[in-house]
Amino acid sequence: MHAQMGLLVTRAQEAEAARAELAEHLQQQQQQPQGPTPAQQEMLARMAQRLEALEAGHRRAVERLHEERDEARAAVEALQMQVESERQQAAVAVEEVDLCAKAKEAELNARMLSLESQIHWLGEQNTQLQAELVKASSAGGDKENSGSSTAADAEQVVELSHKCAALEADLRRAKRAEMKLQALLFRMRSDIEKAGGSCVSFDNLRDVRSLEYDVDMLTQKLKRTERLLQQQQQQQLQQQGTTVGCGTPSKGGSKAGGPLANKAADPLADKENMVQQRGLIGGHPNVNPRW
């Protein structure tokens, strides 16, 4: 491109010089009174042909330069379109990487919550089993001291030992899983940094998921407590109904019932007291209540 521009400038200069030389010769011929000689006319004709050739070459060079300029513009537009396409593809790739990172992050959070739940449950089971083992050991020691140890207690102690061993194995597996999870978390943070993501957002999301897990655990604990309360209330109602049904006095007197009859009659007495209190509160005309 630069070489052709230089050639075009050179040809333009040559054409301009030939034009100036031809104009000078024409002016000299006009100044002569006898007119141009045949030799001068031939030289003028050659100079005119040379000027036409130079102008024709100049025009061709200009046309070629315009064509190359158009081709260069088309190439630049094609390159711009290619760059724009590559930019869009890069944006799509970054978005896909971001979505993949978010999916991995969600999967990682789910695994973390699952492992934390398992660890929490295993910790509760371990505490419960250790308490049962201590209780069984103390009971077994008392029975050994008193000389009344049984095979059932020994089997229970062995079973509790097996449970504790299995629980310890589960805890070791959970610990290894936790270490693996921490390594995976570190690698995920590295991948997010390489992909141009924000580790601060990742940490914030992890904290949010941790709080959501705590809320879920408290909700489950509340539901378990409500179920236990309902079961206890139902058991109390069933016990009260059974006690009332079994505590009806017979015509034979109160000796046959014994203490159980007295205990069964307590709810009836409570109901009678409640009826009397309601009568007092309702303002019975024959009763003067003392508060």
Protein backbone atom coordinates (compact mmCIF):
# COMPACT_ATOMS: atom_id res chain seq x y z
CA MET A 1 0.00 0.00 0.00
CA HIS A 2 2.77 2.48 0.90
CA ALA A 3 4.81 1.48 -2.19
CA GLN A 4 1.83 2.08 -4.44
CA MET A 5 1.21 5.43 -2.82
CA GLY A 6 4.85 6.38 -3.49
CA LEU A 7 4.57 5.22 -7.11
CA LEU A 8 1.39 7.25 -7.53
CA VAL A 9 3.07 10.36 -6.15
CA THR A 10 6.07 9.83 -8.45
CA ARG A 11 3.88 9.48 -11.52
CA ALA A 12 1.90 12.54 -10.54
CA GLN A 13 5.12 14.50 -10.22
CA GLU A 14 6.34 13.24 -13.61
CA ALA A 15 3.03 14.18 -15.24
CA GLU A 16 3.18 17.62 -13.65
CA ALA A 17 6.78 18.10 -14.87
CA ALA A 18 5.84 16.97 -18.42
CA ARG A 19 2.85 19.30 -18.39
CA ALA A 20 5.05 22.21 -17.27
CA GLU A 21 7.67 21.38 -19.93
CA LEU A 22 5.01 21.16 -22.63
CA ALA A 23 3.51 24.48 -21.53
CA GLU A 24 6.95 26.07 -21.62
CA HIS A 25 7.62 24.81 -25.16
CA LEU A 26 4.21 26.03 -26.29
CA GLN A 27 4.91 29.44 -24.84
CA GLN A 28 8.28 29.57 -26.60
CA GLN A 29 6.67 28.60 -29.92
CA GLN A 30 4.07 31.30 -29.51
CA GLN A 31 6.79 33.89 -28.92
CA GLN A 32 8.57 32.97 -32.17
CA PRO A 33 7.15 34.98 -35.14
CA GLN A 34 7.80 32.38 -37.85
CA GLY A 35 5.95 29.60 -35.95
CA PRO A 36 7.16 26.12 -34.85
CA THR A 37 9.48 24.13 -37.03
CA PRO A 38 8.70 20.53 -37.99
CA ALA A 39 11.25 19.26 -35.44
CA GLN A 40 9.62 21.29 -32.73
CA GLN A 41 6.18 20.10 -33.76
CA GLU A 42 7.40 16.50 -33.62
CA MET A 43 8.90 17.09 -30.17
CA LEU A 44 5.64 18.70 -29.00
CA ALA A 45 3.71 15.71 -30.29
CA ARG A 46 6.02 13.31 -28.42
CA MET A 47 5.68 15.37 -25.26
CA ALA A 48 1.89 15.41 -25.64
CA GLN A 49 1.87 11.59 -26.05
CA ARG A 50 4.12 11.23 -23.03
CA LEU A 51 1.81 13.48 -21.03
CA GLU A 52 -1.22 11.43 -22.07
CA ALA A 53 0.59 8.22 -21.14
CA LEU A 54 1.54 9.65 -17.77
CA GLU A 55 -1.99 10.86 -17.12
CA ALA A 56 -3.39 7.46 -18.16
CA GLY A 57 -0.96 5.71 -15.81
CA HIS A 58 -1.89 8.16 -13.08
CA ARG A 59 -5.58 7.44 -13.57
CA ARG A 60 -4.97 3.68 -13.49
CA ALA A 61 -2.90 4.04 -10.34
CA VAL A 62 -5.63 6.14 -8.73
CA GLU A 63 -8.28 3.59 -9.68
CA ARG A 64 -6.14 0.75 -8.34
CA LEU A 65 -5.56 2.69 -5.16
CA HIS A 66 -9.31 3.25 -4.76
CA GLU A 67 -9.94 -0.47 -5.27
CA GLU A 68 -7.34 -1.36 -2.68
CA ARG A 69 -8.85 1.20 -0.32
CA ASP A 70 -12.28 -0.42 -0.75
CA GLU A 71 -10.76 -3.85 -0.19
CA ALA A 72 -9.00 -2.58 2.93
CA ARG A 73 -12.26 -1.13 4.23
CA ALA A 74 -14.05 -4.41 3.57
CA ALA A 75 -11.25 -6.30 5.35
CA VAL A 76 -11.46 -3.90 8.31
CA GLU A 77 -15.23 -4.35 8.52
CA ALA A 78 -14.80 -8.13 8.35
CA LEU A 79 -12.21 -7.96 11.14
CA GLN A 80 -14.51 -5.77 13.22
CA MET A 81 -17.35 -8.24 12.74
CA GLN A 82 -15.03 -11.10 13.67
CA VAL A 83 -13.86 -9.25 16.78
CA GLU A 84 -17.46 -8.53 17.75
CA SER A 85 -18.38 -12.17 17.22
CA GLU A 86 -15.42 -13.30 19.32
CA ARG A 87 -16.38 -10.79 22.01
CA GLN A 88 -19.93 -12.15 22.09
CA GLN A 89 -18.62 -15.71 22.22
CA ALA A 90 -16.31 -14.72 25.07
CA ALA A 91 -19.25 -13.12 26.91
CA VAL A 92 -21.31 -16.29 26.41
CA ALA A 93 -18.39 -18.41 27.60
CA VAL A 94 -17.97 -16.23 30.69
CA GLU A 95 -21.69 -16.48 31.40
CA GLU A 96 -21.56 -20.25 31.02
CA VAL A 97 -18.58 -20.41 33.37
CA ASP A 98 -20.46 -18.20 35.83
CA LEU A 99 -23.53 -20.43 35.65
CA CYS A 100 -21.38 -23.53 36.03
CA ALA A 101 -19.65 -21.97 39.03
CA LYS A 102 -23.00 -21.09 40.58
CA ALA A 103 -24.27 -24.63 39.97
CA LYS A 104 -21.14 -26.09 41.55
CA GLU A 105 -21.49 -23.63 44.40
CA ALA A 106 -25.11 -24.68 44.98
CA GLU A 107 -24.12 -28.35 44.84
CA LEU A 108 -21.28 -27.67 47.25
CA ASN A 109 -23.58 -25.84 49.65
CA ALA A 110 -26.05 -28.71 49.50
CA ARG A 111 -23.30 -31.20 50.29
CA MET A 112 -22.05 -28.99 53.09
CA LEU A 113 -25.52 -28.78 54.61
CA SER A 114 -25.97 -32.53 54.28
CA LEU A 115 -22.63 -33.25 55.92
CA GLU A 116 -23.25 -30.74 58.69
CA SER A 117 -26.64 -32.32 59.31
CA GLN A 118 -25.07 -35.77 59.44
CA ILE A 119 -22.34 -34.55 61.77
CA HIS A 120 -24.90 -32.91 64.03
CA TRP A 121 -27.05 -36.04 64.09
CA LEU A 122 -24.04 -38.26 64.72
CA GLY A 123 -22.94 -35.98 67.54
CA GLU A 124 -26.35 -36.25 69.17
CA GLN A 125 -26.33 -40.03 68.75
CA ASN A 126 -22.81 -40.22 70.18
CA THR A 127 -23.80 -38.16 73.20
CA GLN A 128 -26.89 -40.27 73.75
CA LEU A 129 -25.01 -43.54 73.37
CA GLN A 130 -22.22 -42.39 75.67
CA ALA A 131 -24.80 -41.45 78.29
CA GLU A 132 -26.45 -44.86 77.90
CA LEU A 133 -23.04 -46.55 78.09
CA VAL A 134 -22.17 -44.68 81.28
CA LYS A 135 -25.56 -45.56 82.73
CA ALA A 136 -25.18 -49.19 81.72
CA SER A 137 -21.63 -49.30 83.05
CA SER A 138 -22.70 -47.85 86.39
CA ALA A 139 -25.63 -50.23 86.54
CA GLY A 140 -23.35 -53.11 85.60
CA GLY A 141 -20.84 -52.08 88.28
CA ASP A 142 -23.57 -51.97 90.92
CA LYS A 143 -24.76 -55.39 89.86
CA GLU A 144 -21.22 -56.78 89.94
CA ASN A 145 -20.72 -55.35 93.41
CA SER A 146 -23.97 -56.85 94.58
CA GLY A 147 -23.26 -60.14 92.81
CA SER A 148 -26.44 -60.02 90.64
CA SER A 149 -24.95 -59.35 87.16
CA THR A 150 -26.88 -60.92 84.28
CA ALA A 151 -26.03 -61.96 80.71
CA ALA A 152 -28.59 -59.49 79.33
CA ASP A 153 -26.72 -56.56 80.83
CA ALA A 154 -23.46 -57.86 79.36
CA GLU A 155 -25.08 -58.15 75.94
CA GLN A 156 -26.41 -54.62 76.26
CA VAL A 157 -22.95 -53.32 77.14
CA VAL A 158 -21.46 -55.17 74.16
CA GLU A 159 -24.17 -53.78 71.89
CA LEU A 160 -23.53 -50.27 73.15
CA SER A 161 -19.80 -50.76 72.59
CA HIS A 162 -20.48 -51.84 69.02
CA LYS A 163 -22.72 -48.82 68.53
CA CYS A 164 -20.02 -46.52 69.89
CA ALA A 165 -17.43 -48.09 67.60
CA ALA A 166 -19.73 -47.70 64.60
CA LEU A 167 -20.43 -44.13 65.64
CA GLU A 168 -16.72 -43.38 65.91
CA ALA A 169 -16.21 -44.84 62.42
CA ASP A 170 -19.03 -42.65 61.11
CA LEU A 171 -17.44 -39.65 62.77
CA ARG A 172 -14.09 -40.44 61.17
CA ARG A 173 -15.77 -40.73 57.78
CA ALA A 174 -17.57 -37.46 58.40
CA LYS A 175 -14.27 -35.84 59.37
CA ARG A 176 -12.64 -37.06 56.15
CA ALA A 177 -15.64 -35.83 54.19
CA GLU A 178 -15.34 -32.46 55.94
CA MET A 179 -11.64 -32.23 55.01
CA LYS A 180 -12.48 -33.15 51.42
CA LEU A 181 -15.22 -30.53 51.45
CA GLN A 182 -12.82 -27.86 52.68
CA ALA A 183 -10.35 -28.74 49.91
CA LEU A 184 -13.16 -28.63 47.38
CA LEU A 185 -14.23 -25.24 48.74
CA PHE A 186 -10.68 -23.92 48.33
CA ARG A 187 -10.52 -25.19 44.74
CA MET A 188 -13.92 -23.68 43.99
CA ARG A 189 -12.70 -20.31 45.25
CA SER A 190 -9.63 -20.64 43.02
CA ASP A 191 -11.83 -21.49 40.02
CA ILE A 192 -14.05 -18.50 40.74
CA GLU A 193 -11.02 -16.20 40.95
CA LYS A 194 -9.65 -17.55 37.65
CA ALA A 195 -13.04 -17.10 36.00
CA GLY A 196 -13.14 -13.46 37.13
CA GLY A 197 -15.86 -13.99 39.74
CA SER A 198 -16.16 -12.39 43.15
CA CYS A 199 -14.98 -14.46 46.11
CA VAL A 200 -16.66 -11.95 48.45
CA SER A 201 -20.04 -12.82 46.92
CA PHE A 202 -19.16 -16.50 47.28
CA ASP A 203 -18.35 -16.06 50.99
CA ASN A 204 -21.52 -14.02 51.53
CA LEU A 205 -23.59 -16.71 49.85
CA ARG A 206 -21.91 -19.36 52.00
CA ASP A 207 -22.78 -17.40 55.16
CA VAL A 208 -26.37 -17.01 53.96
CA ARG A 209 -26.64 -20.76 53.31
CA SER A 210 -25.19 -21.44 56.75
CA LEU A 211 -27.82 -19.23 58.36
CA GLU A 212 -30.53 -20.94 56.32
CA TYR A 213 -29.25 -24.28 57.56
CA ASP A 214 -29.40 -23.07 61.18
CA VAL A 215 -32.95 -21.86 60.62
CA ASP A 216 -33.92 -25.22 59.10
CA MET A 217 -32.39 -27.08 62.04
CA LEU A 218 -34.26 -24.90 64.54
CA THR A 219 -37.48 -25.40 62.58
CA GLN A 220 -37.03 -29.18 62.61
CA LYS A 221 -36.22 -29.12 66.31
CA LEU A 222 -39.34 -27.06 66.99
CA LYS A 223 -41.45 -29.50 64.99
CA ARG A 224 -39.99 -32.46 66.91
CA THR A 225 -40.70 -30.70 70.19
CA GLU A 226 -44.29 -30.02 69.11
CA ARG A 227 -44.75 -33.66 68.14
CA LEU A 228 -43.35 -34.82 71.49
CA LEU A 229 -45.67 -32.45 73.34
CA GLN A 230 -48.65 -33.73 71.36
CA GLN A 231 -47.66 -37.33 72.09
CA GLN A 232 -47.27 -36.57 75.80
CA GLN A 233 -50.65 -34.84 75.88
CA GLN A 234 -52.27 -37.80 74.13
CA GLN A 235 -50.63 -40.22 76.56
CA GLN A 236 -51.80 -38.14 79.52
CA LEU A 237 -55.33 -38.06 78.14
CA GLN A 238 -55.27 -41.81 77.58
CA GLN A 239 -53.93 -42.41 81.10
CA GLN A 240 -56.60 -40.15 82.58
CA GLY A 241 -59.30 -41.95 80.60
CA THR A 242 -57.98 -45.35 81.70
CA THR A 243 -57.76 -44.20 85.32
CA VAL A 244 -61.31 -42.83 85.27
CA GLY A 245 -62.64 -46.02 83.67
CA CYS A 246 -60.90 -48.30 86.14
CA GLY A 247 -61.57 -46.19 89.25
CA THR A 248 -65.43 -46.49 89.45
CA PRO A 249 -66.34 -47.62 93.04
CA SER A 250 -68.36 -50.83 93.50
CA LYS A 251 -71.23 -51.55 95.96
CA GLY A 252 -68.97 -53.75 98.04
CA GLY A 253 -67.26 -50.75 99.63
CA SER A 254 -63.92 -49.08 99.22
CA LYS A 255 -61.74 -51.82 100.71
CA ALA A 256 -61.56 -53.81 97.50
CA GLY A 257 -60.21 -50.83 95.56
CA GLY A 258 -57.44 -49.91 97.96
CA PRO A 259 -55.00 -47.17 97.04
CA LEU A 260 -55.70 -47.58 93.34
CA ALA A 261 -59.33 -46.75 93.88
CA ASN A 262 -58.38 -43.61 95.81
CA LYS A 263 -56.03 -42.54 93.00
CA ALA A 264 -58.68 -43.24 90.38
CA ALA A 265 -61.19 -41.18 92.31
CA ASP A 266 -58.93 -38.13 92.38
CA PRO A 267 -59.85 -36.96 88.84
CA LEU A 268 -63.56 -37.28 89.75
CA ALA A 269 -62.98 -35.22 92.85
CA ASP A 270 -61.16 -32.63 90.81
CA LYS A 271 -64.08 -32.45 88.40
CA GLU A 272 -66.53 -32.02 91.29
CA ASN A 273 -64.39 -29.23 92.72
CA MET A 274 -64.33 -27.55 89.30
CA VAL A 275 -68.14 -27.79 89.09
CA GLN A 276 -68.47 -26.28 92.56
CA GLN A 277 -66.09 -23.46 91.71
CA ARG A 278 -68.05 -22.71 88.54
CA GLY A 279 -71.20 -22.59 90.65
CA LEU A 280 -69.54 -20.17 93.03
CA ILE A 281 -68.30 -17.99 90.21
CA GLY A 282 -71.73 -18.05 88.60
CA GLY A 283 -73.22 -16.51 91.77
CA HIS A 284 -75.41 -19.27 93.30
CA PRO A 285 -77.98 -17.64 95.68
CA ASN A 286 -77.52 -20.18 98.51
CA VAL A 287 -73.72 -19.95 98.68
CA ASN A 288 -71.61 -17.18 100.17
CA PRO A 289 -68.12 -17.63 98.65
CA ARG A 290 -65.01 -16.66 100.54
CA TRP A 291 -62.13 -15.57 98.33
